[in-house]
Amino acid sequence: MSIAKILWIVSFLAAIVFSFISDFQYAAVILALLGLVSGWFVNAEHRSGLIIASVFLLIAGGAHAWGSIPAIGEYFNNIFSAYASVLAAASLTAILKTTWERLKP
């Protein structure tokens, strides 16, 4: 298993764990750092998909689309909201990496 897969698995598991722990003040920082590091390992052909997923979860309300499911919808909302933070940070790294690749000689 590659380091990239391990990072993405850890990032998703951290999003799940931190969605249930509301009083840990460094959860957002940890999710952002995991996202920034995970974004470095995204291949060039997958970067646009990462950015689209991030935009969908954050702006289009995809993270809160689960709310209508009885009993478990709120938990899914929290999980995907936390995971949206990871994807947003990973998108920033992917954008910076793409910009660097285009600017270097």
N, C-alpha and C. Protein backbone atom coordinates (compact mmCIF):
# COMPACT_ATOMS: atom_id res chain seq x y z
N MET A 1 0.86 -1.18 0.00
CA MET A 1 0.00 0.00 0.00
C MET A 1 0.90 1.23 0.00
N SER A 2 0.56 2.19 -0.83
CA SER A 2 1.39 3.38 -0.96
C SER A 2 1.13 4.38 0.17
N ILE A 3 2.05 5.30 0.33
CA ILE A 3 1.91 6.34 1.35
C ILE A 3 0.70 7.22 1.07
N ALA A 4 0.39 7.42 -0.20
CA ALA A 4 -0.76 8.24 -0.56
C ALA A 4 -2.06 7.60 -0.08
N LYS A 5 -2.21 6.31 -0.30
CA LYS A 5 -3.41 5.63 0.16
C LYS A 5 -3.52 5.64 1.67
N ILE A 6 -2.41 5.44 2.33
CA ILE A 6 -2.40 5.46 3.79
C ILE A 6 -2.83 6.83 4.30
N LEU A 7 -2.31 7.90 3.69
CA LEU A 7 -2.69 9.26 4.10
C LEU A 7 -4.16 9.53 3.88
N TRP A 8 -4.70 9.09 2.74
CA TRP A 8 -6.12 9.33 2.47
C TRP A 8 -7.00 8.52 3.42
N ILE A 9 -6.59 7.30 3.76
CA ILE A 9 -7.35 6.50 4.72
C ILE A 9 -7.32 7.14 6.09
N VAL A 10 -6.14 7.57 6.52
CA VAL A 10 -6.01 8.24 7.82
C VAL A 10 -6.82 9.53 7.83
N SER A 11 -6.82 10.27 6.73
CA SER A 11 -7.58 11.51 6.66
C SER A 11 -9.08 11.26 6.79
N PHE A 12 -9.57 10.24 6.09
CA PHE A 12 -11.00 9.94 6.17
C PHE A 12 -11.38 9.43 7.56
N LEU A 13 -10.53 8.59 8.14
CA LEU A 13 -10.81 8.10 9.49
C LEU A 13 -10.76 9.24 10.52
N ALA A 14 -9.84 10.16 10.33
CA ALA A 14 -9.77 11.32 11.23
C ALA A 14 -11.03 12.18 11.09
N ALA A 15 -11.52 12.33 9.87
CA ALA A 15 -12.76 13.09 9.67
C ALA A 15 -13.92 12.41 10.38
N ILE A 16 -13.97 11.09 10.34
CA ILE A 16 -15.03 10.36 11.05
C ILE A 16 -14.91 10.56 12.55
N VAL A 17 -13.71 10.37 13.07
CA VAL A 17 -13.50 10.49 14.52
C VAL A 17 -13.80 11.90 15.00
N PHE A 18 -13.28 12.89 14.29
CA PHE A 18 -13.47 14.27 14.74
C PHE A 18 -14.90 14.76 14.54
N SER A 19 -15.67 14.09 13.72
CA SER A 19 -17.07 14.48 13.58
C SER A 19 -17.88 14.11 14.82
N PHE A 20 -17.39 13.16 15.59
CA PHE A 20 -18.07 12.75 16.83
C PHE A 20 -17.48 13.40 18.07
N ILE A 21 -16.29 13.96 17.96
CA ILE A 21 -15.64 14.62 19.09
C ILE A 21 -15.73 16.12 18.86
N SER A 22 -16.58 16.78 19.60
CA SER A 22 -16.82 18.21 19.34
C SER A 22 -15.97 19.14 20.20
N ASP A 23 -15.37 18.64 21.26
CA ASP A 23 -14.65 19.53 22.17
C ASP A 23 -13.14 19.50 21.98
N PHE A 24 -12.63 18.85 20.96
CA PHE A 24 -11.20 18.83 20.68
C PHE A 24 -10.87 20.03 19.82
N GLN A 25 -10.10 20.97 20.37
CA GLN A 25 -9.90 22.25 19.70
C GLN A 25 -8.93 22.20 18.52
N TYR A 26 -8.14 21.15 18.40
CA TYR A 26 -7.18 21.07 17.31
C TYR A 26 -7.64 20.18 16.17
N ALA A 27 -8.89 19.79 16.17
CA ALA A 27 -9.41 18.90 15.12
C ALA A 27 -9.30 19.55 13.74
N ALA A 28 -9.66 20.81 13.64
CA ALA A 28 -9.60 21.49 12.34
C ALA A 28 -8.17 21.62 11.84
N VAL A 29 -7.25 21.86 12.74
CA VAL A 29 -5.84 21.98 12.36
C VAL A 29 -5.31 20.63 11.85
N ILE A 30 -5.65 19.57 12.55
CA ILE A 30 -5.20 18.24 12.15
C ILE A 30 -5.79 17.86 10.80
N LEU A 31 -7.09 18.13 10.60
CA LEU A 31 -7.71 17.82 9.32
C LEU A 31 -7.09 18.64 8.18
N ALA A 32 -6.79 19.90 8.46
CA ALA A 32 -6.17 20.75 7.44
C ALA A 32 -4.77 20.25 7.09
N LEU A 33 -3.99 19.89 8.09
CA LEU A 33 -2.64 19.38 7.82
C LEU A 33 -2.67 18.06 7.06
N LEU A 34 -3.60 17.18 7.45
CA LEU A 34 -3.74 15.93 6.71
C LEU A 34 -4.13 16.20 5.26
N GLY A 35 -5.01 17.15 5.04
CA GLY A 35 -5.40 17.50 3.69
C GLY A 35 -4.26 18.11 2.88
N LEU A 36 -3.50 19.00 3.51
CA LEU A 36 -2.38 19.61 2.80
C LEU A 36 -1.35 18.58 2.37
N VAL A 37 -1.05 17.63 3.26
CA VAL A 37 -0.08 16.60 2.92
C VAL A 37 -0.65 15.62 1.90
N SER A 38 -1.91 15.25 2.06
CA SER A 38 -2.54 14.32 1.13
C SER A 38 -2.63 14.90 -0.27
N GLY A 39 -2.84 16.19 -0.38
CA GLY A 39 -2.94 16.84 -1.67
C GLY A 39 -1.66 16.77 -2.48
N TRP A 40 -0.54 16.62 -1.82
CA TRP A 40 0.74 16.53 -2.52
C TRP A 40 0.82 15.26 -3.36
N PHE A 41 0.14 14.21 -2.92
CA PHE A 41 0.24 12.92 -3.59
C PHE A 41 -0.85 12.68 -4.63
N VAL A 42 -1.63 13.69 -4.95
CA VAL A 42 -2.68 13.54 -5.96
C VAL A 42 -2.04 13.65 -7.34
N ASN A 43 -2.31 12.65 -8.19
CA ASN A 43 -1.78 12.67 -9.56
C ASN A 43 -2.40 13.79 -10.36
N ALA A 44 -1.71 14.21 -11.40
CA ALA A 44 -2.18 15.33 -12.22
C ALA A 44 -3.55 15.06 -12.84
N GLU A 45 -3.82 13.81 -13.21
CA GLU A 45 -5.11 13.52 -13.83
C GLU A 45 -6.25 13.46 -12.83
N HIS A 46 -5.95 13.40 -11.54
CA HIS A 46 -7.00 13.36 -10.52
C HIS A 46 -7.23 14.71 -9.82
N ARG A 47 -6.43 15.69 -10.13
CA ARG A 47 -6.53 16.97 -9.43
C ARG A 47 -7.83 17.69 -9.70
N SER A 48 -8.29 17.67 -10.93
CA SER A 48 -9.55 18.36 -11.23
C SER A 48 -10.72 17.68 -10.52
N GLY A 49 -10.70 16.36 -10.43
CA GLY A 49 -11.74 15.65 -9.70
C GLY A 49 -11.74 15.99 -8.22
N LEU A 50 -10.54 16.15 -7.65
CA LEU A 50 -10.42 16.54 -6.25
C LEU A 50 -11.02 17.93 -6.02
N ILE A 51 -10.71 18.85 -6.90
CA ILE A 51 -11.22 20.21 -6.76
C ILE A 51 -12.74 20.24 -6.93
N ILE A 52 -13.25 19.48 -7.88
CA ILE A 52 -14.70 19.42 -8.08
C ILE A 52 -15.39 18.83 -6.86
N ALA A 53 -14.83 17.77 -6.29
CA ALA A 53 -15.41 17.16 -5.09
C ALA A 53 -15.39 18.14 -3.93
N SER A 54 -14.32 18.87 -3.80
CA SER A 54 -14.22 19.86 -2.73
C SER A 54 -15.27 20.96 -2.88
N VAL A 55 -15.41 21.46 -4.10
CA VAL A 55 -16.40 22.51 -4.36
C VAL A 55 -17.80 21.99 -4.11
N PHE A 56 -18.08 20.77 -4.54
CA PHE A 56 -19.41 20.19 -4.34
C PHE A 56 -19.73 20.06 -2.85
N LEU A 57 -18.80 19.56 -2.07
CA LEU A 57 -19.07 19.37 -0.65
C LEU A 57 -19.19 20.69 0.10
N LEU A 58 -18.37 21.66 -0.28
CA LEU A 58 -18.35 22.93 0.47
C LEU A 58 -19.39 23.93 0.00
N ILE A 59 -19.46 24.17 -1.28
CA ILE A 59 -20.29 25.25 -1.80
C ILE A 59 -21.68 24.78 -2.21
N ALA A 60 -21.75 23.65 -2.88
CA ALA A 60 -23.05 23.18 -3.37
C ALA A 60 -23.88 22.50 -2.29
N GLY A 61 -23.34 22.36 -1.11
CA GLY A 61 -24.10 21.78 0.00
C GLY A 61 -24.13 20.28 0.01
N GLY A 62 -23.22 19.65 -0.69
CA GLY A 62 -23.19 18.19 -0.74
C GLY A 62 -22.94 17.55 0.61
N ALA A 63 -22.21 18.24 1.48
CA ALA A 63 -21.93 17.68 2.80
C ALA A 63 -23.18 17.64 3.67
N HIS A 64 -24.15 18.48 3.36
CA HIS A 64 -25.37 18.54 4.18
C HIS A 64 -26.58 17.91 3.48
N ALA A 65 -26.34 17.16 2.44
CA ALA A 65 -27.43 16.54 1.70
C ALA A 65 -28.01 15.32 2.43
N TRP A 66 -27.31 14.85 3.44
CA TRP A 66 -27.73 13.64 4.15
C TRP A 66 -28.75 13.92 5.24
N GLY A 67 -29.03 15.17 5.51
CA GLY A 67 -29.85 15.55 6.66
C GLY A 67 -31.25 14.99 6.68
N SER A 68 -31.79 14.64 5.54
CA SER A 68 -33.17 14.16 5.51
C SER A 68 -33.30 12.68 5.84
N ILE A 69 -32.19 11.99 5.98
CA ILE A 69 -32.24 10.57 6.34
C ILE A 69 -32.46 10.46 7.84
N PRO A 70 -33.53 9.80 8.26
CA PRO A 70 -33.82 9.71 9.69
C PRO A 70 -32.73 8.94 10.44
N ALA A 71 -32.45 9.39 11.62
CA ALA A 71 -31.55 8.76 12.59
C ALA A 71 -30.07 8.86 12.26
N ILE A 72 -29.67 8.75 11.01
CA ILE A 72 -28.24 8.76 10.70
C ILE A 72 -27.81 9.95 9.85
N GLY A 73 -28.76 10.72 9.36
CA GLY A 73 -28.43 11.83 8.47
C GLY A 73 -27.55 12.88 9.11
N GLU A 74 -27.80 13.19 10.36
CA GLU A 74 -26.99 14.19 11.07
C GLU A 74 -25.54 13.74 11.20
N TYR A 75 -25.34 12.45 11.45
CA TYR A 75 -23.98 11.92 11.58
C TYR A 75 -23.24 11.99 10.24
N PHE A 76 -23.93 11.63 9.15
CA PHE A 76 -23.32 11.74 7.83
C PHE A 76 -23.01 13.19 7.47
N ASN A 77 -23.88 14.11 7.86
CA ASN A 77 -23.61 15.53 7.63
C ASN A 77 -22.31 15.94 8.31
N ASN A 78 -22.14 15.53 9.55
CA ASN A 78 -20.93 15.89 10.31
C ASN A 78 -19.68 15.25 9.71
N ILE A 79 -19.79 13.99 9.30
CA ILE A 79 -18.64 13.30 8.73
C ILE A 79 -18.21 13.96 7.42
N PHE A 80 -19.16 14.23 6.53
CA PHE A 80 -18.79 14.80 5.25
C PHE A 80 -18.41 16.28 5.35
N SER A 81 -18.89 16.97 6.36
CA SER A 81 -18.42 18.34 6.59
C SER A 81 -16.96 18.33 7.02
N ALA A 82 -16.60 17.39 7.89
CA ALA A 82 -15.20 17.28 8.30
C ALA A 82 -14.32 16.84 7.14
N TYR A 83 -14.82 15.91 6.33
CA TYR A 83 -14.05 15.44 5.19
C TYR A 83 -13.92 16.54 4.12
N ALA A 84 -14.91 17.41 4.04
CA ALA A 84 -14.82 18.54 3.12
C ALA A 84 -13.65 19.45 3.48
N SER A 85 -13.35 19.57 4.76
CA SER A 85 -12.19 20.35 5.19
C SER A 85 -10.90 19.72 4.69
N VAL A 86 -10.82 18.41 4.75
CA VAL A 86 -9.65 17.70 4.25
C VAL A 86 -9.50 17.92 2.74
N LEU A 87 -10.61 17.78 2.02
CA LEU A 87 -10.56 17.95 0.57
C LEU A 87 -10.23 19.38 0.17
N ALA A 88 -10.70 20.35 0.93
CA ALA A 88 -10.39 21.74 0.62
C ALA A 88 -8.89 22.01 0.78
N ALA A 89 -8.30 21.50 1.84
CA ALA A 89 -6.87 21.68 2.05
C ALA A 89 -6.07 20.93 0.98
N ALA A 90 -6.51 19.73 0.63
CA ALA A 90 -5.84 18.97 -0.42
C ALA A 90 -5.94 19.68 -1.76
N SER A 91 -7.07 20.33 -2.00
CA SER A 91 -7.25 21.09 -3.24
C SER A 91 -6.27 22.25 -3.32
N LEU A 92 -6.04 22.90 -2.19
CA LEU A 92 -5.06 24.00 -2.18
C LEU A 92 -3.68 23.51 -2.57
N THR A 93 -3.28 22.38 -2.01
CA THR A 93 -1.97 21.83 -2.35
C THR A 93 -1.92 21.42 -3.82
N ALA A 94 -2.99 20.81 -4.31
CA ALA A 94 -3.02 20.41 -5.72
C ALA A 94 -2.95 21.62 -6.65
N ILE A 95 -3.63 22.69 -6.29
CA ILE A 95 -3.59 23.91 -7.10
C ILE A 95 -2.19 24.51 -7.09
N LEU A 96 -1.57 24.56 -5.91
CA LEU A 96 -0.20 25.09 -5.83
C LEU A 96 0.78 24.23 -6.59
N LYS A 97 0.62 22.91 -6.51
CA LYS A 97 1.52 22.01 -7.22
C LYS A 97 1.36 22.16 -8.74
N THR A 98 0.11 22.30 -9.20
CA THR A 98 -0.13 22.50 -10.62
C THR A 98 0.46 23.82 -11.10
N THR A 99 0.29 24.86 -10.30
CA THR A 99 0.86 26.16 -10.65
C THR A 99 2.38 26.09 -10.72
N TRP A 100 2.99 25.42 -9.76
CA TRP A 100 4.44 25.27 -9.76
C TRP A 100 4.91 24.51 -10.99
N GLU A 101 4.22 23.44 -11.35
CA GLU A 101 4.60 22.66 -12.51
C GLU A 101 4.48 23.46 -13.80
N ARG A 102 3.53 24.36 -13.88
CA ARG A 102 3.35 25.18 -15.08
C ARG A 102 4.36 26.32 -15.16
N LEU A 103 4.82 26.80 -14.01
CA LEU A 103 5.74 27.94 -13.99
C LEU A 103 7.21 27.57 -14.09
N LYS A 104 7.54 26.35 -13.69
CA LYS A 104 8.96 26.00 -13.72
C LYS A 104 9.42 25.80 -15.16
N PRO A 105 10.67 26.11 -15.40
CA PRO A 105 11.18 26.02 -16.78
C PRO A 105 11.32 24.60 -17.28
